[in-house]
């Protein structure tokens, strides 16, 4: 009887309905990850396009490159100017140092020069009128319509109280017609410690030739004449 048995073997069926093919479903977690990646990439692209820097065209890139080159040239120019200014500052410092050295040397010579000047002043003859203060020396020059003057006023000794007064010039001369005239300048304030050299110029009338000048020094309170001296005008 075994010869008549079927050769087909019974195969185990997992279900009562027989064997069936099932599709495998994609895991939900993988779907969520892929969805997140897609959404994230889309968001990045959106933000970059909406708020990020725009891509430049070829012309814009060229303009940007030109601006960059110009900025580099300006930087080099400013650097050169800075270097030049730095050199100027260094040279100025060297000049200042040299001047300071010369100033110190000059200051050392001041006492000797002052002593020599004192000797020269003492050697100047006293005012012939013997007044105090006295007019020790006068230098007068007729220069192109003006009278240039240098006047040395000096007290008889050092340490006297400072003298304050007024000085006036009385100028005598003539015009081309032969007319003789005398003009007077406005009084000016003067002060003398031991000595004082006063220099300046006084305007003259047109075509007027000065010949003699009398220097008058008065007391401003009493209007009394303190000193006077007359000198001849030299011509250039």
Foldseek 3Di string as FASTA:
>chain_A
DVVPDDPDDDDDAPDPVGDDDDDDDDDPVVVVVVVVVVVVVVVVVVCCVPPNDDDDDPVRVVVVVVVVVVVVVVVVVVVVVVVVVVVVVVVVVVVVVVVVVVVVVVVVCVVVVVVVVVVVVVVQDQAPVPFAFEWRDKAWEDDDQKIKIKTKTFGPDAPDPKDKWWKKKWWWWAAPVGHTDIDIDDIDIDIYHGMDIDIDMGGHPPRTDTFKMKMWIAHPPVRHTRYIDMDTHDYD
